[in-house]
N, C-alpha and C. Protein backbone atom coordinates (compact mmCIF):
# COMPACT_ATOMS: atom_id res chain seq x y z
N GLU A 1 0.78 -1.20 0.04
CA GLU A 1 -0.09 0.12 0.10
C GLU A 1 0.68 1.36 0.01
N VAL A 2 2.04 1.26 0.82
CA VAL A 2 2.82 2.53 0.98
C VAL A 2 3.32 2.87 -0.41
N HIS A 3 3.62 1.86 -1.14
CA HIS A 3 4.52 1.96 -2.58
C HIS A 3 3.49 2.00 -3.78
N GLY A 4 1.89 1.93 -3.46
CA GLY A 4 1.18 1.85 -4.57
C GLY A 4 1.37 0.54 -5.45
N VAL A 5 1.59 -0.55 -4.83
CA VAL A 5 1.84 -1.88 -5.67
C VAL A 5 0.46 -2.55 -5.63
N ASP A 6 0.08 -3.13 -6.52
CA ASP A 6 -1.17 -3.82 -6.55
C ASP A 6 -0.72 -5.44 -6.37
N PRO A 7 -0.96 -5.92 -5.36
CA PRO A 7 -0.47 -7.02 -5.43
C PRO A 7 -1.04 -8.35 -6.42
N HIS A 8 -2.27 -8.06 -6.72
CA HIS A 8 -2.80 -8.76 -7.81
C HIS A 8 -2.22 -8.77 -9.26
N ARG A 9 -1.41 -7.89 -9.53
CA ARG A 9 -0.63 -7.42 -10.78
C ARG A 9 0.69 -7.72 -10.42
N SER A 10 1.39 -8.27 -9.31
CA SER A 10 2.61 -8.34 -8.93
C SER A 10 2.91 -9.78 -8.79
N ILE A 11 4.62 -10.01 -9.29
CA ILE A 11 5.02 -11.54 -9.06
C ILE A 11 6.03 -11.30 -7.94
N PHE A 12 6.33 -12.27 -7.03
CA PHE A 12 7.42 -12.12 -6.03
C PHE A 12 8.20 -13.27 -6.51
N PHE A 13 9.32 -13.00 -6.73
CA PHE A 13 10.67 -13.99 -7.22
C PHE A 13 11.25 -13.96 -5.80
N GLU A 14 11.81 -15.21 -5.63
CA GLU A 14 12.40 -15.36 -4.05
C GLU A 14 13.03 -16.80 -4.16
N ASP A 15 14.08 -17.02 -3.33
CA ASP A 15 14.76 -18.37 -3.23
C ASP A 15 14.41 -18.83 -1.98
N SER A 16 13.58 -18.33 -1.12
CA SER A 16 13.38 -18.74 0.11
C SER A 16 11.91 -18.94 0.30
N PRO A 17 11.32 -20.46 0.05
CA PRO A 17 9.99 -20.54 0.05
C PRO A 17 9.02 -19.92 1.09
N ARG A 18 9.53 -19.95 2.35
CA ARG A 18 8.79 -19.05 3.46
C ARG A 18 8.30 -17.58 3.28
N ASN A 19 9.23 -17.12 2.50
CA ASN A 19 8.82 -15.67 2.12
C ASN A 19 7.73 -15.49 0.94
N LEU A 20 7.68 -16.65 0.18
CA LEU A 20 6.59 -16.80 -0.72
C LEU A 20 5.55 -17.02 -0.21
N ARG A 21 5.09 -17.64 1.00
CA ARG A 21 3.96 -17.79 1.62
C ARG A 21 3.27 -16.67 1.81
N THR A 22 4.12 -15.39 2.33
CA THR A 22 3.71 -14.22 2.59
C THR A 22 3.17 -13.34 1.54
N ALA A 23 3.77 -13.65 0.39
CA ALA A 23 3.47 -12.93 -0.85
C ALA A 23 2.05 -13.52 -1.49
N THR A 24 1.96 -14.82 -1.34
CA THR A 24 0.70 -15.27 -1.69
C THR A 24 -0.58 -14.99 -1.00
N ASP A 25 -0.29 -14.70 0.54
CA ASP A 25 -1.06 -14.44 1.30
C ASP A 25 -1.92 -13.04 0.85
N VAL A 26 -1.07 -12.10 0.41
CA VAL A 26 -1.42 -10.67 0.00
C VAL A 26 -1.81 -10.85 -1.36
N GLY A 27 -1.82 -11.96 -2.05
CA GLY A 27 -2.46 -11.75 -3.51
C GLY A 27 -1.38 -11.98 -4.71
N MET A 28 -0.41 -11.93 -4.48
CA MET A 28 0.71 -12.01 -5.51
C MET A 28 0.75 -13.22 -5.97
N LYS A 29 1.36 -13.40 -7.33
CA LYS A 29 1.88 -14.70 -8.10
C LYS A 29 3.16 -14.92 -7.37
N THR A 30 3.80 -16.20 -7.33
CA THR A 30 4.89 -16.26 -6.71
C THR A 30 5.83 -17.14 -7.61
N VAL A 31 7.23 -16.94 -7.62
CA VAL A 31 8.14 -17.80 -8.60
C VAL A 31 9.23 -18.14 -7.29
N HIS A 32 9.65 -19.64 -7.29
CA HIS A 32 10.41 -20.03 -6.24
C HIS A 32 11.77 -20.13 -7.10
N VAL A 33 12.96 -19.50 -6.89
CA VAL A 33 14.32 -19.63 -7.50
C VAL A 33 14.99 -20.73 -6.67
N LEU A 34 14.90 -21.97 -7.59
CA LEU A 34 15.48 -23.23 -6.73
C LEU A 34 17.07 -23.02 -6.46
N SER A 35 17.54 -23.48 -5.38
CA SER A 35 18.70 -23.24 -4.81
C SER A 35 19.02 -24.61 -3.97
N ASP A 36 20.46 -25.20 -3.79
CA ASP A 36 20.64 -25.95 -2.84
C ASP A 36 21.32 -25.71 -1.64
N THR A 37 20.38 -24.29 -1.32
CA THR A 37 20.90 -23.64 -0.13
C THR A 37 20.02 -24.26 1.02
N ASP A 38 20.20 -24.26 2.24
CA ASP A 38 19.16 -24.47 3.34
C ASP A 38 17.99 -23.64 3.28
N TRP A 39 18.35 -22.33 3.28
CA TRP A 39 17.05 -21.36 3.24
C TRP A 39 16.12 -21.73 1.97
N GLY A 40 16.66 -22.30 0.84
CA GLY A 40 15.97 -22.80 -0.33
C GLY A 40 15.09 -23.82 -0.16
N LYS A 41 15.08 -24.30 0.97
CA LYS A 41 14.23 -25.56 1.48
C LYS A 41 13.12 -25.09 2.55
N MET A 42 13.46 -23.90 3.13
CA MET A 42 12.86 -23.89 4.14
C MET A 42 11.34 -23.15 4.14
N GLY A 43 10.39 -23.89 4.65
CA GLY A 43 8.95 -23.40 4.31
C GLY A 43 8.34 -24.38 3.51
N LEU A 44 8.96 -25.34 3.12
CA LEU A 44 8.38 -26.32 1.86
C LEU A 44 7.64 -27.66 2.98
N GLU A 45 7.91 -27.47 4.43
CA GLU A 45 7.59 -28.66 5.22
C GLU A 45 6.15 -29.01 4.96
N ASP A 46 5.23 -27.98 4.82
CA ASP A 46 3.69 -28.14 4.45
C ASP A 46 3.28 -28.06 3.05
N GLY A 47 4.32 -28.45 2.36
CA GLY A 47 3.74 -28.50 0.74
C GLY A 47 4.03 -27.24 0.07
N ASP A 48 3.72 -27.18 -1.02
CA ASP A 48 4.42 -25.96 -1.80
C ASP A 48 3.03 -25.52 -2.62
N GLY A 49 2.04 -25.50 -1.92
CA GLY A 49 0.49 -24.66 -2.76
C GLY A 49 0.67 -23.51 -2.80
N PHE A 50 1.77 -22.73 -2.25
CA PHE A 50 1.47 -21.29 -2.03
C PHE A 50 2.63 -20.84 -3.29
N ILE A 51 3.08 -21.64 -4.12
CA ILE A 51 4.31 -21.41 -5.10
C ILE A 51 3.53 -21.71 -6.36
N ASP A 52 3.35 -20.75 -7.27
CA ASP A 52 2.98 -20.79 -8.58
C ASP A 52 3.84 -21.43 -9.53
N HIS A 53 5.10 -20.99 -9.47
CA HIS A 53 6.29 -21.56 -10.33
C HIS A 53 7.57 -21.83 -9.62
N SER A 54 8.19 -22.74 -9.96
CA SER A 54 9.57 -22.99 -9.62
C SER A 54 10.67 -22.99 -10.75
N VAL A 55 11.74 -22.40 -10.38
CA VAL A 55 12.42 -22.26 -11.74
C VAL A 55 13.91 -22.39 -11.11
N VAL A 56 15.00 -22.78 -12.11
CA VAL A 56 16.14 -23.23 -11.91
C VAL A 56 16.98 -21.98 -12.54
N ASP A 57 16.51 -21.73 -13.76
CA ASP A 57 17.14 -20.43 -14.51
C ASP A 57 16.16 -19.20 -14.76
N LEU A 58 16.50 -18.35 -13.98
CA LEU A 58 15.35 -17.12 -13.83
C LEU A 58 15.57 -16.59 -15.21
N SER A 59 16.49 -16.40 -15.80
CA SER A 59 16.68 -15.61 -16.74
C SER A 59 15.75 -16.45 -18.09
N ALA A 60 16.06 -17.37 -18.22
CA ALA A 60 15.24 -18.42 -19.27
C ALA A 60 13.83 -18.28 -18.88
N PHE A 61 13.59 -18.10 -17.66
CA PHE A 61 12.26 -18.22 -17.36
C PHE A 61 11.31 -16.62 -17.77
N LEU A 62 12.06 -15.74 -17.38
CA LEU A 62 11.71 -14.37 -17.78
C LEU A 62 11.86 -14.28 -19.36
N THR A 63 12.72 -14.85 -20.00
CA THR A 63 12.54 -14.67 -21.63
C THR A 63 11.42 -15.42 -21.91
N GLU A 64 10.97 -16.82 -21.64
CA GLU A 64 10.04 -17.43 -22.08
C GLU A 64 8.74 -17.03 -21.84
N THR A 65 8.45 -16.34 -20.72
CA THR A 65 6.98 -15.66 -20.27
C THR A 65 6.83 -14.55 -20.33
N VAL A 66 7.74 -13.58 -20.03
CA VAL A 66 7.71 -12.16 -20.20
C VAL A 66 7.69 -11.59 -21.50
N LEU A 67 9.07 -12.14 -22.07
CA LEU A 67 9.33 -11.17 -23.43
C LEU A 67 8.63 -12.05 -24.49
N THR A 68 7.92 -13.19 -24.45
CA THR A 68 7.32 -13.61 -25.48
C THR A 68 5.71 -13.04 -25.33
N ASN A 69 5.37 -12.48 -24.34
CA ASN A 69 4.15 -11.57 -24.21
C ASN A 69 4.12 -10.13 -24.25
N VAL A 70 5.15 -9.70 -24.82
CA VAL A 70 5.28 -8.34 -24.81
C VAL A 70 4.67 -7.79 -26.19
């Protein structure tokens, strides 16, 4: 609200799943950038129903989704 961001028109990119849960709660789409780090798995204990997309290569994901829809 403070910055005028409409969560229903926003995507949250994050490598820590537990941060994606909050983004989903406010109405954002979420992209989990996969990693082999400990924090990259935190928050997945209860499933990943709050993650809209999981990606290994963020650049390829953006190229395939955003740039093809411009």
